[in-house]
Structure formats: C-alpha cells, structure tokens
C-alpha cells in the first residue's frame, strides 16, 4: 500500500446556498475519496478574501449514507466564522473511506477559498 501526501482539493472558492447551513446539491461536493482508497484529511485552510466576516459549514457524507438522509448529523463544522481577510486553519485526523464525500458552503459565494491536504492510501 502506498501512502501519498497531497493536496486533496483547492485552493478553490466555496459556493454558497441560501445560508451556509443549507445542504449543498448532491453533485457539488468539495472532495470525494477515489476508488480503492482510504484518505486521512490532515488540514483544511479557509481563507476569507472579503472585507466582511463569512461563515462556513462543512459536511461529511459517508458512502453508505443516502444523500437524501443527510442532515445536521453529518456536519463537521457548523457555521464557523472566518474573520475578514483572514485564514482559519482546521487541523484534523479525519479518516475517510472509498466514496466518502466532503461538502462545503459559505455564507456568500466566491468569498471564501478552501484548500484540503491529507494522505491517500492506495
């Protein structure tokens, strides 16, 4: 088994919904674990490029969970406030299985960037 340290996603702008706590559309995930792979998410960087405070909510959808049954029980970070023109670092050790997905939403479109780093075990 090979362990590959890598940037899993981003930097990319987070889209928004009516509020940052509204579940994003099923196909608009930020990262999905590839086939035959286990991922350990080690760090997420959330950068607010605007002059206003923004909030971000992050969800984890396990592959065995139907999208339609996702809700508050799938939230990793709820309405996390990012100060204006600042970066928040989330240090994790989140193990994800094949097909698991991360979703992110911000309180305003294209104002918060997300970068995810971790290890993929293939």
N, C-alpha and C. Protein backbone atom coordinates (compact mmCIF):
# COMPACT_ATOMS: atom_id res chain seq x y z
N UNK A 1 0.84 -1.18 0.00
CA UNK A 1 0.00 0.00 0.00
C UNK A 1 0.88 1.25 0.00
N UNK A 2 0.56 2.16 -0.87
CA UNK A 2 1.31 3.41 -0.97
C UNK A 2 0.59 4.52 -0.23
N UNK A 3 1.35 5.32 0.52
CA UNK A 3 0.81 6.49 1.20
C UNK A 3 1.26 7.73 0.43
N UNK A 4 0.30 8.48 -0.07
CA UNK A 4 0.60 9.66 -0.87
C UNK A 4 0.12 10.91 -0.16
N UNK A 5 1.07 11.74 0.31
CA UNK A 5 0.72 13.03 0.89
C UNK A 5 0.42 13.97 -0.27
N UNK A 6 -0.72 14.68 -0.19
CA UNK A 6 -1.07 15.53 -1.31
C UNK A 6 -2.10 16.59 -0.93
N UNK A 7 -2.26 17.54 -1.83
CA UNK A 7 -3.36 18.49 -1.72
C UNK A 7 -4.56 17.78 -2.32
N UNK A 8 -5.59 17.58 -1.52
CA UNK A 8 -6.76 16.83 -1.95
C UNK A 8 -7.74 17.69 -2.73
N UNK A 9 -7.80 18.98 -2.40
CA UNK A 9 -8.72 19.89 -3.08
C UNK A 9 -8.24 21.32 -2.91
N UNK A 10 -8.56 22.15 -3.91
CA UNK A 10 -8.29 23.57 -3.84
C UNK A 10 -6.85 23.94 -4.16
N UNK A 11 -6.56 25.22 -3.98
CA UNK A 11 -7.48 26.22 -3.46
C UNK A 11 -8.58 26.53 -4.47
N UNK A 12 -9.80 26.58 -3.97
CA UNK A 12 -10.95 26.90 -4.80
C UNK A 12 -11.99 27.64 -3.98
N UNK A 13 -12.76 28.47 -4.65
CA UNK A 13 -13.80 29.24 -3.98
C UNK A 13 -14.96 28.34 -3.59
N UNK A 14 -15.49 28.57 -2.41
CA UNK A 14 -16.66 27.83 -1.94
C UNK A 14 -17.90 28.55 -2.44
N UNK A 15 -18.79 27.79 -3.03
CA UNK A 15 -20.08 28.36 -3.46
C UNK A 15 -20.94 28.59 -2.23
N UNK A 16 -22.05 29.26 -2.42
CA UNK A 16 -22.94 29.45 -1.28
C UNK A 16 -24.33 28.91 -1.58
N UNK A 17 -25.15 28.84 -0.55
CA UNK A 17 -26.55 28.49 -0.69
C UNK A 17 -27.32 29.60 0.01
N UNK A 18 -28.60 29.40 0.23
CA UNK A 18 -29.40 30.45 0.89
C UNK A 18 -28.78 30.85 2.22
N UNK A 19 -28.29 29.88 2.97
CA UNK A 19 -27.50 30.14 4.17
C UNK A 19 -26.36 29.14 4.16
N UNK A 20 -25.34 29.39 4.93
CA UNK A 20 -24.19 28.48 4.92
C UNK A 20 -24.53 27.13 5.55
N UNK A 21 -25.68 27.00 6.17
CA UNK A 21 -26.05 25.73 6.79
C UNK A 21 -27.02 24.92 5.94
N UNK A 22 -27.39 25.42 4.76
CA UNK A 22 -28.25 24.67 3.84
C UNK A 22 -27.39 23.64 3.11
N UNK A 23 -27.82 22.41 3.12
CA UNK A 23 -27.06 21.34 2.49
C UNK A 23 -26.85 21.63 1.00
N UNK A 24 -25.62 21.51 0.50
CA UNK A 24 -25.36 21.74 -0.92
C UNK A 24 -25.99 20.65 -1.78
N UNK A 25 -26.05 20.91 -3.07
CA UNK A 25 -26.57 19.92 -4.02
C UNK A 25 -25.69 18.67 -4.01
N UNK A 26 -26.28 17.54 -4.31
CA UNK A 26 -25.58 16.26 -4.21
C UNK A 26 -24.28 16.21 -5.01
N UNK A 27 -24.27 16.74 -6.21
CA UNK A 27 -23.09 16.66 -7.06
C UNK A 27 -22.05 17.75 -6.81
N UNK A 28 -22.31 18.64 -5.87
CA UNK A 28 -21.39 19.77 -5.66
C UNK A 28 -20.47 19.55 -4.46
N UNK A 29 -19.92 18.35 -4.35
CA UNK A 29 -19.00 18.05 -3.25
C UNK A 29 -17.65 18.69 -3.49
N UNK A 30 -16.92 18.91 -2.39
CA UNK A 30 -15.60 19.53 -2.46
C UNK A 30 -14.52 18.47 -2.69
N UNK A 31 -14.70 17.28 -2.12
CA UNK A 31 -13.73 16.19 -2.28
C UNK A 31 -14.46 14.86 -2.13
N UNK A 32 -14.08 13.90 -2.97
CA UNK A 32 -14.59 12.52 -2.85
C UNK A 32 -13.41 11.57 -2.86
N UNK A 33 -13.43 10.61 -1.93
CA UNK A 33 -12.35 9.63 -1.86
C UNK A 33 -12.43 8.72 -3.09
N UNK A 34 -11.31 8.58 -3.83
CA UNK A 34 -11.29 7.73 -5.02
C UNK A 34 -11.50 6.25 -4.70
N UNK A 35 -11.80 5.47 -5.73
CA UNK A 35 -12.00 4.03 -5.60
C UNK A 35 -10.74 3.37 -5.01
N UNK A 36 -10.95 2.35 -4.22
CA UNK A 36 -9.86 1.55 -3.62
C UNK A 36 -8.87 2.40 -2.84
N UNK A 37 -9.37 3.44 -2.18
CA UNK A 37 -8.50 4.38 -1.46
C UNK A 37 -9.10 4.71 -0.10
N UNK A 38 -8.23 4.89 0.89
CA UNK A 38 -8.61 5.46 2.18
C UNK A 38 -7.87 6.78 2.29
N UNK A 39 -8.56 7.80 2.77
CA UNK A 39 -7.96 9.13 2.89
C UNK A 39 -7.95 9.57 4.34
N UNK A 40 -6.88 10.22 4.75
CA UNK A 40 -6.83 10.89 6.04
C UNK A 40 -6.69 12.38 5.75
N UNK A 41 -7.74 13.14 6.06
CA UNK A 41 -7.68 14.59 5.90
C UNK A 41 -6.93 15.13 7.11
N UNK A 42 -5.85 15.86 6.85
CA UNK A 42 -5.00 16.39 7.92
C UNK A 42 -5.23 17.86 8.19
N UNK A 43 -5.57 18.63 7.14
CA UNK A 43 -5.71 20.07 7.36
C UNK A 43 -6.61 20.68 6.30
N UNK A 44 -7.41 21.66 6.75
CA UNK A 44 -8.20 22.48 5.84
C UNK A 44 -7.86 23.93 6.12
N UNK A 45 -7.64 24.69 5.07
CA UNK A 45 -7.42 26.13 5.17
C UNK A 45 -8.65 26.82 4.59
N UNK A 46 -9.23 27.72 5.36
CA UNK A 46 -10.38 28.51 4.92
C UNK A 46 -9.95 29.96 4.91
N UNK A 47 -9.92 30.57 3.73
CA UNK A 47 -9.45 31.94 3.58
C UNK A 47 -10.58 32.84 3.12
N UNK A 48 -10.87 33.84 3.93
CA UNK A 48 -11.91 34.82 3.61
C UNK A 48 -11.24 36.00 2.91
N UNK A 49 -11.49 36.15 1.62
CA UNK A 49 -10.87 37.22 0.85
C UNK A 49 -11.70 38.50 0.84
N UNK A 50 -12.82 38.50 1.53
CA UNK A 50 -13.69 39.68 1.52
C UNK A 50 -13.41 40.57 2.73
N UNK A 51 -14.03 41.73 2.73
CA UNK A 51 -13.89 42.66 3.85
C UNK A 51 -15.00 42.50 4.88
N UNK A 52 -15.81 41.46 4.72
CA UNK A 52 -16.91 41.15 5.66
C UNK A 52 -16.66 39.78 6.29
N UNK A 53 -17.10 39.56 7.55
CA UNK A 53 -17.00 38.21 8.12
C UNK A 53 -17.87 37.24 7.32
N UNK A 54 -17.42 36.01 7.19
CA UNK A 54 -18.18 34.97 6.48
C UNK A 54 -18.19 33.72 7.35
N UNK A 55 -19.22 32.91 7.15
CA UNK A 55 -19.28 31.64 7.88
C UNK A 55 -19.24 30.48 6.90
N UNK A 56 -18.71 29.37 7.38
CA UNK A 56 -18.56 28.17 6.56
C UNK A 56 -19.10 26.98 7.34
N UNK A 57 -19.82 26.10 6.65
CA UNK A 57 -20.27 24.83 7.22
C UNK A 57 -19.70 23.70 6.37
N UNK A 58 -19.19 22.65 7.02
CA UNK A 58 -18.60 21.50 6.35
C UNK A 58 -19.35 20.24 6.74
N UNK A 59 -19.68 19.41 5.75
CA UNK A 59 -20.39 18.15 5.97
C UNK A 59 -19.52 16.98 5.52
N UNK A 60 -19.71 15.83 6.17
CA UNK A 60 -19.11 14.56 5.73
C UNK A 60 -20.26 13.62 5.38
N UNK A 61 -20.25 13.12 4.14
CA UNK A 61 -21.25 12.13 3.72
C UNK A 61 -20.54 10.80 3.52
N UNK A 62 -20.73 9.86 4.47
CA UNK A 62 -20.16 8.53 4.26
C UNK A 62 -20.79 7.88 3.03
N UNK A 63 -20.03 7.06 2.34
CA UNK A 63 -20.52 6.45 1.10
C UNK A 63 -21.78 5.62 1.32
N UNK A 64 -21.93 5.05 2.50
CA UNK A 64 -23.10 4.21 2.79
C UNK A 64 -24.35 5.02 3.13
N UNK A 65 -24.22 6.32 3.30
CA UNK A 65 -25.35 7.17 3.67
C UNK A 65 -26.01 7.72 2.42
N UNK A 66 -27.31 7.57 2.33
CA UNK A 66 -28.04 8.14 1.20
C UNK A 66 -28.02 9.66 1.31
N UNK A 67 -27.80 10.33 0.18
CA UNK A 67 -27.74 11.79 0.19
C UNK A 67 -29.02 12.37 0.80
N UNK A 68 -30.16 11.80 0.46
CA UNK A 68 -31.45 12.32 0.93
C UNK A 68 -31.59 12.25 2.45
N UNK A 69 -30.82 11.40 3.11
CA UNK A 69 -30.93 11.28 4.57
C UNK A 69 -29.90 12.13 5.32
N UNK A 70 -29.09 12.90 4.58
CA UNK A 70 -28.10 13.75 5.23
C UNK A 70 -28.78 14.90 5.96
N UNK A 71 -28.18 15.31 7.05
CA UNK A 71 -28.71 16.42 7.83
C UNK A 71 -27.68 16.93 8.81
N UNK A 72 -28.16 17.48 9.92
CA UNK A 72 -27.25 18.05 10.92
C UNK A 72 -26.28 17.02 11.49
N UNK A 73 -26.65 15.76 11.48
CA UNK A 73 -25.77 14.71 11.99
C UNK A 73 -24.53 14.50 11.15
N UNK A 74 -24.50 15.07 9.95
CA UNK A 74 -23.35 14.94 9.06
C UNK A 74 -22.42 16.15 9.10
N UNK A 75 -22.73 17.15 9.93
CA UNK A 75 -21.93 18.38 9.97
C UNK A 75 -20.67 18.17 10.79
N UNK A 76 -19.52 18.54 10.19
CA UNK A 76 -18.24 18.50 10.89
C UNK A 76 -17.97 19.83 11.59
N UNK A 77 -18.18 20.92 10.87
CA UNK A 77 -18.01 22.28 11.40
C UNK A 77 -19.26 23.05 11.03
N UNK A 78 -19.90 23.65 12.03
CA UNK A 78 -21.18 24.32 11.82
C UNK A 78 -20.99 25.83 11.88
N UNK A 79 -21.30 26.49 10.76
CA UNK A 79 -21.33 27.95 10.72
C UNK A 79 -20.07 28.57 11.35
N UNK A 80 -18.92 28.04 10.99
CA UNK A 80 -17.64 28.51 11.52
C UNK A 80 -17.33 29.90 10.96
N UNK A 81 -17.14 30.86 11.84
CA UNK A 81 -16.91 32.24 11.43
C UNK A 81 -15.46 32.46 11.00
N UNK A 82 -15.29 33.05 9.81
CA UNK A 82 -13.97 33.39 9.30
C UNK A 82 -13.90 34.93 9.25
N UNK A 83 -12.97 35.50 9.95
CA UNK A 83 -12.82 36.96 10.01
C UNK A 83 -12.50 37.52 8.62
N UNK A 84 -12.78 38.81 8.41
CA UNK A 84 -12.46 39.43 7.13
C UNK A 84 -10.96 39.34 6.81
N UNK A 85 -10.65 39.01 5.59
CA UNK A 85 -9.27 38.94 5.09
C UNK A 85 -8.36 38.15 6.03
N UNK A 86 -8.87 36.98 6.43
CA UNK A 86 -8.12 36.12 7.36
C UNK A 86 -8.21 34.66 6.91
N UNK A 87 -7.31 33.86 7.44
CA UNK A 87 -7.31 32.42 7.17
C UNK A 87 -7.48 31.67 8.47
N UNK A 88 -8.37 30.69 8.46
CA UNK A 88 -8.58 29.80 9.59
C UNK A 88 -8.05 28.42 9.21
N UNK A 89 -7.24 27.84 10.09
CA UNK A 89 -6.68 26.51 9.87
C UNK A 89 -7.41 25.50 10.73
N UNK A 90 -7.93 24.45 10.10
CA UNK A 90 -8.59 23.36 10.82
C UNK A 90 -7.67 22.15 10.74
N UNK A 91 -7.07 21.78 11.87
CA UNK A 91 -6.19 20.61 11.92
C UNK A 91 -7.03 19.41 12.32
N UNK A 92 -6.93 18.36 11.51
CA UNK A 92 -7.78 17.18 11.68
C UNK A 92 -6.96 15.90 11.61
N UNK A 93 -7.65 14.82 11.87
CA UNK A 93 -7.16 13.49 11.56
C UNK A 93 -8.41 12.69 11.19
N UNK A 94 -9.04 13.10 10.11
CA UNK A 94 -10.33 12.57 9.68
C UNK A 94 -10.12 11.45 8.67
N UNK A 95 -10.48 10.22 9.06
CA UNK A 95 -10.33 9.06 8.18
C UNK A 95 -11.59 8.92 7.34
N UNK A 96 -11.39 8.81 6.03
CA UNK A 96 -12.50 8.67 5.09
C UNK A 96 -12.29 7.43 4.23
N UNK A 97 -13.39 6.72 3.94
CA UNK A 97 -13.34 5.51 3.14
C UNK A 97 -13.70 5.81 1.68
N UNK A 98 -13.46 4.85 0.82
CA UNK A 98 -13.80 4.98 -0.60
C UNK A 98 -15.22 5.50 -0.76
N UNK A 99 -15.37 6.54 -1.58
CA UNK A 99 -16.69 7.09 -1.88
C UNK A 99 -17.21 8.12 -0.90
N UNK A 100 -16.57 8.28 0.26
CA UNK A 100 -16.99 9.32 1.21
C UNK A 100 -16.78 10.69 0.56
N UNK A 101 -17.63 11.66 0.93
CA UNK A 101 -17.54 12.99 0.33
C UNK A 101 -17.53 14.08 1.40
N UNK A 102 -16.79 15.16 1.09
CA UNK A 102 -16.83 16.37 1.90
C UNK A 102 -17.57 17.44 1.11
N UNK A 103 -18.46 18.15 1.78
CA UNK A 103 -19.20 19.26 1.19
C UNK A 103 -18.88 20.52 1.99
N UNK A 104 -18.80 21.67 1.31
CA UNK A 104 -18.54 22.94 1.98
C UNK A 104 -19.46 24.00 1.40
N UNK A 105 -19.96 24.89 2.28
CA UNK A 105 -20.77 26.02 1.85
C UNK A 105 -20.40 27.24 2.68
N UNK A 106 -20.40 28.39 2.03
CA UNK A 106 -20.08 29.66 2.70
C UNK A 106 -21.31 30.55 2.69
N UNK A 107 -21.29 31.55 3.56
CA UNK A 107 -22.44 32.45 3.67
C UNK A 107 -22.53 33.44 2.50
N UNK A 108 -21.50 33.52 1.67
CA UNK A 108 -21.53 34.34 0.46
C UNK A 108 -20.67 33.66 -0.59
N UNK A 109 -21.14 33.65 -1.82
CA UNK A 109 -20.44 32.94 -2.90
C UNK A 109 -19.10 33.58 -3.23
N UNK A 110 -18.13 32.73 -3.52
CA UNK A 110 -16.84 33.13 -4.07
C UNK A 110 -16.07 34.13 -3.19
N UNK A 111 -16.29 34.08 -1.87
CA UNK A 111 -15.54 34.96 -0.98
C UNK A 111 -14.62 34.17 -0.06
N UNK A 112 -14.88 32.87 0.11
CA UNK A 112 -14.05 32.03 0.97
C UNK A 112 -13.45 30.91 0.11
N UNK A 113 -12.14 30.76 0.20
CA UNK A 113 -11.45 29.68 -0.51
C UNK A 113 -11.15 28.55 0.46
N UNK A 114 -11.17 27.32 -0.08
CA UNK A 114 -10.85 26.14 0.73
C UNK A 114 -9.71 25.38 0.08
N UNK A 115 -8.77 24.94 0.91
CA UNK A 115 -7.69 24.06 0.48
C UNK A 115 -7.64 22.91 1.47
N UNK A 116 -7.64 21.68 0.96
CA UNK A 116 -7.64 20.49 1.80
C UNK A 116 -6.38 19.68 1.52
N UNK A 117 -5.65 19.31 2.58
CA UNK A 117 -4.45 18.50 2.45
C UNK A 117 -4.60 17.22 3.27
N UNK A 118 -3.95 16.17 2.81
CA UNK A 118 -4.05 14.93 3.54
C UNK A 118 -3.21 13.83 2.93
N UNK A 119 -3.57 12.61 3.26
CA UNK A 119 -2.85 11.42 2.82
C UNK A 119 -3.86 10.46 2.20
N UNK A 120 -3.54 9.99 0.99
CA UNK A 120 -4.35 8.94 0.37
C UNK A 120 -3.56 7.64 0.42
N UNK A 121 -4.20 6.60 0.91
CA UNK A 121 -3.61 5.27 0.96
C UNK A 121 -4.25 4.44 -0.14
N UNK A 122 -3.43 4.04 -1.09
CA UNK A 122 -3.93 3.29 -2.24
C UNK A 122 -3.47 1.85 -2.16
